[in-house]
Amino acid sequence: MTTHDEHTHADSSDDSETFERTFDDGERLVLHDEPADGTPAAFVALDTASCTGTECQCHEVELLVQPLTLVDGELVEGDGTPLQALLDAESGEISVEAEPEPGSEEALLLARLRRLAQDETLDLLQDRWRRGRRQEDPDEWKETDWAALDLETMVPFLEIFPSRWDISVFVDGHKYWVIDFWCLTPDCPCTQVALDFLAEEDDATEHLVVDLETNEPDDPEATEGARRLWAAFRETPGALEELAARREATRRVARELPALLESE
């Protein structure tokens, strides 16, 4: 997960769209605990799961905390027993089925979790709860402020379905968020998607247009870096299937959007 205050996408017509986004793929978080009470610092992995039912009124987020160990410069799961806990996304309270014995490894891990699940991390976990509830909602797009978007340009998927998890790709150990832009012209036969690759570490960007019929770049101005990122993304398990699903979803929106706009 990473937060970017602002991102600007420019298309070939020199129009641009700017939006704010907290990028999150819903995957494992790696957190560093540096206690002020003399407890040794440590890394932990945090996996989360929450209800995906839009009608469910629960506020629970399931947490699984796993201690990590540094081996040859890489963080790997340690030998300790993972800790299961529940976060109340409304109050921020963390609970366990039974409080562990004081001084035990489980007690140490629970203390780390309660220290770490505050401030920005708590905001992220609460946002995951909100987004998790809308993952399977096919009608979330109807709540978009369409008057604020230029429908004559390609529209980012995150504006159409803002709760869906973001997609990413790793190249040489560096993570890039993939921002996908789609045509919403109802009868347009195009098969293109525009992709912005946004580096997690320094906000550097690369841009590429891809033809999803061939899964090949359709962009003579694309840099070698952008083509390399696409090649890595294309080889990522499930990546092409996710783009195909997003294309199907946006084409449905394109067909239904005119009627929605006329009714407003």
Protein backbone atom coordinates (compact mmCIF):
# COMPACT_ATOMS: atom_id res chain seq x y z
CA MET A 1 0.00 0.00 0.00
CA THR A 2 1.12 3.55 -0.64
CA THR A 3 -0.49 6.96 -0.65
CA HIS A 4 -0.10 9.51 -3.41
CA ASP A 5 -1.66 12.91 -2.84
CA GLU A 6 -2.07 13.63 -6.51
CA HIS A 7 -1.56 11.97 -9.89
CA THR A 8 -1.92 13.54 -13.31
CA HIS A 9 -2.54 11.56 -16.50
CA ALA A 10 -2.00 13.25 -19.85
CA ASP A 11 -3.32 11.72 -23.06
CA SER A 12 -2.26 12.28 -26.64
CA SER A 13 -4.56 15.30 -26.98
CA ASP A 14 -2.73 17.09 -24.15
CA ASP A 15 -5.82 16.97 -21.94
CA SER A 16 -5.14 15.81 -18.41
CA GLU A 17 -6.94 14.36 -15.44
CA THR A 18 -5.80 14.81 -11.85
CA PHE A 19 -7.02 12.74 -8.93
CA GLU A 20 -6.07 11.75 -5.42
CA ARG A 21 -5.71 8.13 -4.48
CA THR A 22 -4.60 5.86 -1.68
CA PHE A 23 -3.32 2.89 -3.66
CA ASP A 24 -4.01 -0.47 -2.05
CA ASP A 25 -4.16 -3.96 -3.53
CA GLY A 26 -5.64 -5.57 -0.42
CA GLU A 27 -2.58 -7.79 -0.08
CA ARG A 28 -0.27 -8.48 2.87
CA LEU A 29 1.15 -5.50 4.74
CA VAL A 30 4.67 -5.52 6.18
CA LEU A 31 4.95 -3.30 9.25
CA HIS A 32 7.95 -2.29 11.36
CA ASP A 33 7.46 -2.05 15.12
CA GLU A 34 9.93 0.12 17.02
CA PRO A 35 8.67 0.20 20.64
CA ALA A 36 9.75 2.96 22.98
CA ASP A 37 9.57 0.67 26.02
CA GLY A 38 12.75 -1.26 25.28
CA THR A 39 11.06 -4.16 23.51
CA PRO A 40 13.22 -5.21 20.53
CA ALA A 41 12.17 -3.78 17.17
CA ALA A 42 10.71 -6.26 14.68
CA PHE A 43 8.92 -6.68 11.38
CA VAL A 44 5.52 -8.35 11.17
CA ALA A 45 3.29 -9.37 8.29
CA LEU A 46 -0.37 -8.44 8.52
CA ASP A 47 -3.02 -10.17 6.40
CA THR A 48 -6.57 -8.83 6.44
CA ALA A 49 -9.99 -10.06 5.42
CA SER A 50 -13.37 -8.42 5.75
CA CYS A 51 -16.93 -9.04 4.66
CA THR A 52 -17.63 -8.30 0.99
CA GLY A 53 -21.41 -8.14 1.37
CA THR A 54 -22.81 -4.68 0.65
CA GLU A 55 -25.83 -5.40 2.87
CA CYS A 56 -23.82 -6.66 5.84
CA GLN A 57 -23.78 -4.28 8.79
CA CYS A 58 -20.75 -5.77 10.58
CA HIS A 59 -17.62 -3.70 11.19
CA GLU A 60 -15.19 -6.58 11.63
CA VAL A 61 -11.88 -7.03 9.88
CA GLU A 62 -10.09 -10.33 10.46
CA LEU A 63 -6.37 -9.91 11.14
CA LEU A 64 -3.60 -12.50 10.95
CA VAL A 65 -0.26 -11.33 12.30
CA GLN A 66 2.90 -13.27 11.47
CA PRO A 67 6.38 -12.47 12.84
CA LEU A 68 9.04 -12.00 10.17
CA THR A 69 12.74 -12.79 10.24
CA LEU A 70 15.52 -11.25 8.15
CA VAL A 71 17.41 -13.97 6.27
CA ASP A 72 20.15 -13.03 3.76
CA GLY A 73 18.62 -9.59 3.36
CA GLU A 74 15.09 -10.93 2.76
CA LEU A 75 12.15 -10.88 5.17
CA VAL A 76 10.66 -14.36 5.59
CA GLU A 77 8.04 -15.79 7.92
CA GLY A 78 9.55 -16.66 11.29
CA ASP A 79 8.99 -19.71 13.43
CA GLY A 80 6.54 -17.99 15.75
CA THR A 81 2.85 -18.85 15.81
CA PRO A 82 0.63 -16.40 13.90
CA LEU A 83 -1.86 -14.40 15.93
CA GLN A 84 -5.52 -14.15 14.96
CA ALA A 85 -7.43 -11.04 15.98
CA LEU A 86 -10.45 -8.93 15.06
CA LEU A 87 -10.50 -5.21 14.37
CA ASP A 88 -13.69 -3.23 14.89
CA ALA A 89 -13.42 -0.85 11.94
CA GLU A 90 -15.78 1.63 13.59
CA SER A 91 -14.08 1.96 16.98
CA GLY A 92 -10.56 0.82 16.08
CA GLU A 93 -10.61 -1.71 18.94
CA ILE A 94 -8.64 -4.93 18.50
CA SER A 95 -9.83 -8.07 20.26
CA VAL A 96 -8.78 -11.71 20.48
CA GLU A 97 -10.74 -14.81 21.44
CA ALA A 98 -8.68 -15.13 24.62
CA GLU A 99 -6.06 -12.76 25.98
CA PRO A 100 -2.66 -14.51 25.83
CA GLU A 101 -0.55 -15.30 28.87
CA PRO A 102 1.49 -12.25 29.92
CA GLY A 103 5.07 -12.51 28.69
CA SER A 104 4.25 -15.10 26.02
CA GLU A 105 5.14 -14.73 22.35
CA GLU A 106 1.43 -14.29 21.60
CA ALA A 107 1.22 -11.44 24.12
CA LEU A 108 4.24 -9.75 22.55
CA LEU A 109 2.72 -10.09 19.09
CA LEU A 110 -0.64 -8.73 20.26
CA ALA A 111 1.09 -5.75 21.85
CA ARG A 112 2.91 -5.09 18.57
CA LEU A 113 -0.36 -5.27 16.67
CA ARG A 114 -2.10 -2.83 18.99
CA ARG A 115 0.81 -0.40 18.71
CA LEU A 116 0.95 -0.64 14.95
CA ALA A 117 -2.79 -0.48 14.23
CA GLN A 118 -3.02 3.23 14.95
CA ASP A 119 -2.93 6.50 13.03
CA GLU A 120 -2.17 5.96 9.31
CA THR A 121 -2.25 2.17 9.60
CA LEU A 122 -5.64 2.27 11.31
CA ASP A 123 -6.89 4.63 8.59
CA LEU A 124 -5.72 2.12 5.99
CA LEU A 125 -7.41 -0.82 7.74
CA GLN A 126 -10.65 1.11 8.07
CA ASP A 127 -10.45 2.05 4.40
CA ARG A 128 -9.90 -1.62 3.54
CA TRP A 129 -13.10 -2.44 5.42
CA ARG A 130 -15.02 0.18 3.43
CA ARG A 131 -13.53 -0.91 0.11
CA GLY A 132 -13.92 -4.60 0.87
CA ARG A 133 -17.69 -4.21 1.16
CA ARG A 134 -17.92 -2.88 -2.40
CA GLN A 135 -15.62 -5.33 -4.21
CA GLU A 136 -18.51 -7.28 -5.72
CA ASP A 137 -20.87 -4.32 -6.21
CA PRO A 138 -21.54 -4.01 -9.97
CA ASP A 139 -23.47 -0.77 -9.51
CA GLU A 140 -20.93 1.30 -7.58
CA TRP A 141 -20.27 3.28 -10.77
CA LYS A 142 -23.72 4.86 -10.47
CA GLU A 143 -22.49 6.87 -7.46
CA THR A 144 -19.66 8.50 -9.44
CA ASP A 145 -19.81 12.26 -9.92
CA TRP A 146 -20.00 12.02 -13.69
CA ALA A 147 -20.34 15.78 -14.10
CA ALA A 148 -16.78 16.13 -12.82
CA LEU A 149 -15.33 13.81 -15.47
CA ASP A 150 -14.50 14.48 -19.11
CA LEU A 151 -16.16 11.61 -20.98
CA GLU A 152 -14.47 12.61 -24.22
CA THR A 153 -11.19 11.30 -22.82
CA MET A 154 -10.37 7.88 -21.40
CA VAL A 155 -11.53 7.56 -17.79
CA PRO A 156 -9.50 5.83 -15.04
CA PHE A 157 -11.07 2.66 -13.70
CA LEU A 158 -10.53 3.94 -10.16
CA GLU A 159 -13.01 6.75 -10.88
CA ILE A 160 -15.62 4.29 -12.18
CA PHE A 161 -15.26 1.63 -9.46
CA PRO A 162 -13.31 3.45 -6.70
CA SER A 163 -13.49 0.61 -4.16
CA ARG A 164 -11.93 -2.08 -6.32
CA TRP A 165 -8.42 -3.11 -5.33
CA ASP A 166 -5.64 -1.50 -7.31
CA ILE A 167 -3.36 -3.54 -9.55
CA SER A 168 0.43 -3.52 -9.58
CA VAL A 169 3.54 -5.05 -11.10
CA PHE A 170 7.04 -5.72 -9.77
CA VAL A 171 10.16 -5.12 -11.86
CA ASP A 172 13.61 -5.70 -10.39
CA GLY A 173 12.16 -5.67 -6.90
CA HIS A 174 10.43 -2.33 -7.39
CA LYS A 175 6.65 -1.96 -7.23
CA TYR A 176 4.64 0.02 -9.75
CA TRP A 177 0.93 0.76 -9.46
CA VAL A 178 -0.94 0.27 -12.74
CA ILE A 179 -3.61 2.86 -13.45
CA ASP A 180 -5.87 1.79 -16.31
CA PHE A 181 -7.89 4.22 -18.45
CA TRP A 182 -10.92 3.20 -20.51
CA CYS A 183 -13.09 4.58 -23.28
CA LEU A 184 -16.72 5.09 -22.21
CA THR A 185 -18.15 5.97 -25.63
CA PRO A 186 -21.16 3.61 -25.91
CA ASP A 187 -20.69 2.37 -29.46
CA CYS A 188 -16.92 2.64 -29.72
CA PRO A 189 -15.37 -0.58 -31.11
CA CYS A 190 -11.90 0.17 -29.72
CA THR A 191 -10.05 -2.55 -27.84
CA GLN A 192 -7.45 -0.31 -26.27
CA VAL A 193 -6.54 0.42 -22.68
CA ALA A 194 -4.20 3.22 -21.64
CA LEU A 195 -1.89 2.35 -18.76
CA ASP A 196 0.08 4.57 -16.43
CA PHE A 197 2.78 2.81 -14.40
CA LEU A 198 3.38 4.78 -11.21
CA ALA A 199 6.49 3.91 -9.17
CA GLU A 200 5.70 3.37 -5.50
CA GLU A 201 9.02 4.74 -4.31
CA ASP A 202 9.39 8.03 -6.16
CA ASP A 203 6.22 8.65 -8.22
CA ALA A 204 8.08 8.31 -11.52
CA THR A 205 5.65 7.34 -14.30
CA GLU A 206 5.60 5.52 -17.61
CA HIS A 207 2.72 5.49 -20.07
CA LEU A 208 1.63 2.90 -22.63
CA VAL A 209 -1.39 2.10 -24.80
CA VAL A 210 -2.15 -1.62 -25.28
CA ASP A 211 -4.45 -3.40 -27.72
CA LEU A 212 -6.24 -6.07 -25.69
CA GLU A 213 -7.07 -8.12 -28.77
CA THR A 214 -3.38 -8.85 -29.27
CA ASN A 215 -2.07 -7.94 -25.80
CA GLU A 216 0.65 -5.99 -27.57
CA PRO A 217 1.60 -2.31 -27.23
CA ASP A 218 -0.14 0.00 -29.69
CA ASP A 219 1.88 3.08 -28.89
CA PRO A 220 4.79 4.18 -31.12
CA GLU A 221 5.82 6.83 -28.58
CA ALA A 222 6.13 4.37 -25.68
CA THR A 223 9.53 4.21 -24.01
CA GLU A 224 11.52 1.03 -23.59
CA GLY A 225 10.84 1.29 -19.87
CA ALA A 226 7.09 1.29 -20.45
CA ARG A 227 7.33 -1.73 -22.76
CA ARG A 228 9.41 -3.56 -20.17
CA LEU A 229 6.81 -2.85 -17.49
CA TRP A 230 4.04 -4.13 -19.74
CA ALA A 231 6.00 -7.31 -20.48
CA ALA A 232 6.36 -7.94 -16.75
CA PHE A 233 2.71 -7.15 -16.08
CA ARG A 234 1.57 -9.45 -18.89
CA GLU A 235 3.49 -12.31 -17.26
CA THR A 236 1.98 -11.65 -13.83
CA PRO A 237 -0.51 -14.44 -12.99
CA GLY A 238 -4.09 -13.23 -13.41
CA ALA A 239 -3.13 -9.81 -14.80
CA LEU A 240 -4.56 -10.24 -18.30
CA GLU A 241 -7.72 -11.82 -16.86
CA GLU A 242 -8.15 -8.81 -14.58
CA LEU A 243 -7.82 -6.38 -17.49
CA ALA A 244 -10.34 -8.43 -19.49
CA ALA A 245 -12.79 -8.29 -16.58
CA ARG A 246 -12.28 -4.55 -16.26
CA ARG A 247 -12.89 -4.07 -19.97
CA GLU A 248 -16.14 -6.03 -19.73
CA ALA A 249 -17.23 -3.97 -16.71
CA THR A 250 -16.43 -0.64 -18.37
CA ARG A 251 -18.18 -1.60 -21.61
CA ARG A 252 -21.31 -2.37 -19.58
CA VAL A 253 -21.00 1.03 -17.89
CA ALA A 254 -20.55 2.69 -21.30
CA ARG A 255 -23.81 1.14 -22.50
CA GLU A 256 -25.81 2.06 -19.39
CA LEU A 257 -24.31 5.47 -18.63
CA PRO A 258 -26.31 7.57 -21.19
CA ALA A 259 -29.61 6.51 -19.60
CA LEU A 260 -28.29 7.35 -16.13
CA LEU A 261 -27.13 10.80 -17.24
CA GLU A 262 -30.47 11.52 -18.92
CA SER A 263 -32.35 10.68 -15.74
CA GLU A 264 -30.35 13.11 -13.59
